[in-house]
Amino acid sequence: MGIRHKEYHVEGLQFHLEPIKMKPHGMQILKNFLEL
């Protein structure tokens, strides 16, 4: 889940890391996010 303010450069993100090891593409999702 993410949120972004319309006027200010403020963003927030909620991400649960627990499923990364359980999901087949979990690590790729995390790598893609860190490259943003």
N, C-alpha and C. Protein backbone atom coordinates (compact mmCIF):
# COMPACT_ATOMS: atom_id res chain seq x y z
N MET A 1 0.86 -1.16 0.00
CA MET A 1 0.00 0.00 0.00
C MET A 1 0.91 1.22 0.00
N GLY A 2 0.55 2.23 -0.77
CA GLY A 2 1.33 3.46 -0.82
C GLY A 2 0.44 4.68 -0.83
N ILE A 3 1.04 5.81 -0.52
CA ILE A 3 0.30 7.08 -0.48
C ILE A 3 1.24 8.19 -0.93
N ARG A 4 0.69 9.18 -1.63
CA ARG A 4 1.48 10.31 -2.11
C ARG A 4 0.66 11.59 -1.92
N HIS A 5 1.29 12.63 -1.39
CA HIS A 5 0.62 13.92 -1.20
C HIS A 5 0.51 14.62 -2.55
N LYS A 6 -0.61 15.26 -2.81
CA LYS A 6 -0.84 15.91 -4.10
C LYS A 6 0.01 17.15 -4.32
N GLU A 7 0.33 17.89 -3.25
CA GLU A 7 1.06 19.15 -3.40
C GLU A 7 2.53 19.06 -3.00
N TYR A 8 2.85 18.24 -2.03
CA TYR A 8 4.22 18.16 -1.51
C TYR A 8 4.88 16.85 -1.93
N HIS A 9 6.19 16.88 -1.98
CA HIS A 9 6.94 15.67 -2.34
C HIS A 9 7.07 14.78 -1.10
N VAL A 10 5.95 14.17 -0.74
CA VAL A 10 5.90 13.29 0.43
C VAL A 10 5.22 11.99 0.00
N GLU A 11 5.89 10.88 0.25
CA GLU A 11 5.35 9.58 -0.10
C GLU A 11 5.51 8.63 1.07
N GLY A 12 4.64 7.67 1.16
CA GLY A 12 4.74 6.65 2.20
C GLY A 12 4.42 5.29 1.62
N LEU A 13 4.97 4.26 2.21
CA LEU A 13 4.78 2.91 1.71
C LEU A 13 4.71 1.93 2.87
N GLN A 14 3.79 1.02 2.79
CA GLN A 14 3.71 -0.07 3.77
C GLN A 14 3.93 -1.37 3.00
N PHE A 15 4.92 -2.12 3.41
CA PHE A 15 5.24 -3.36 2.72
C PHE A 15 5.65 -4.40 3.75
N HIS A 16 5.01 -5.56 3.72
CA HIS A 16 5.33 -6.62 4.67
C HIS A 16 6.35 -7.56 4.03
N LEU A 17 7.51 -7.66 4.65
CA LEU A 17 8.59 -8.46 4.09
C LEU A 17 8.44 -9.97 4.30
N GLU A 18 7.56 -10.37 5.20
CA GLU A 18 7.42 -11.79 5.52
C GLU A 18 7.15 -12.67 4.29
N PRO A 19 6.26 -12.26 3.37
CA PRO A 19 5.93 -13.14 2.24
C PRO A 19 7.04 -13.30 1.20
N ILE A 20 8.11 -12.51 1.28
CA ILE A 20 9.14 -12.56 0.24
C ILE A 20 9.70 -13.97 0.08
N LYS A 21 9.95 -14.64 1.19
CA LYS A 21 10.52 -15.99 1.11
C LYS A 21 9.49 -17.01 0.65
N MET A 22 8.21 -16.70 0.84
CA MET A 22 7.15 -17.66 0.51
C MET A 22 6.67 -17.51 -0.93
N LYS A 23 6.81 -16.35 -1.50
CA LYS A 23 6.31 -16.11 -2.85
C LYS A 23 7.43 -16.38 -3.86
N PRO A 24 7.12 -16.95 -5.02
CA PRO A 24 8.17 -17.26 -5.98
C PRO A 24 8.87 -16.03 -6.55
N HIS A 25 8.20 -14.89 -6.59
CA HIS A 25 8.79 -13.68 -7.16
C HIS A 25 9.03 -12.61 -6.11
N GLY A 26 9.02 -12.98 -4.85
CA GLY A 26 9.15 -12.01 -3.76
C GLY A 26 10.43 -11.20 -3.81
N MET A 27 11.56 -11.86 -4.02
CA MET A 27 12.84 -11.14 -4.05
C MET A 27 12.91 -10.19 -5.25
N GLN A 28 12.35 -10.59 -6.39
CA GLN A 28 12.36 -9.71 -7.56
C GLN A 28 11.51 -8.48 -7.32
N ILE A 29 10.38 -8.63 -6.64
CA ILE A 29 9.54 -7.48 -6.30
C ILE A 29 10.31 -6.51 -5.43
N LEU A 30 11.02 -7.02 -4.43
CA LEU A 30 11.81 -6.16 -3.55
C LEU A 30 12.94 -5.47 -4.32
N LYS A 31 13.64 -6.19 -5.17
CA LYS A 31 14.73 -5.60 -5.97
C LYS A 31 14.19 -4.50 -6.88
N ASN A 32 13.05 -4.74 -7.52
CA ASN A 32 12.45 -3.73 -8.40
C ASN A 32 12.12 -2.46 -7.63
N PHE A 33 11.57 -2.62 -6.42
CA PHE A 33 11.22 -1.45 -5.61
C PHE A 33 12.47 -0.67 -5.23
N LEU A 34 13.52 -1.35 -4.82
CA LEU A 34 14.74 -0.66 -4.39
C LEU A 34 15.44 0.06 -5.53
N GLU A 35 15.16 -0.33 -6.77
CA GLU A 35 15.76 0.32 -7.93
C GLU A 35 14.97 1.54 -8.39
N LEU A 36 13.82 1.82 -7.79
CA LEU A 36 13.03 3.00 -8.18
C LEU A 36 13.76 4.28 -7.88
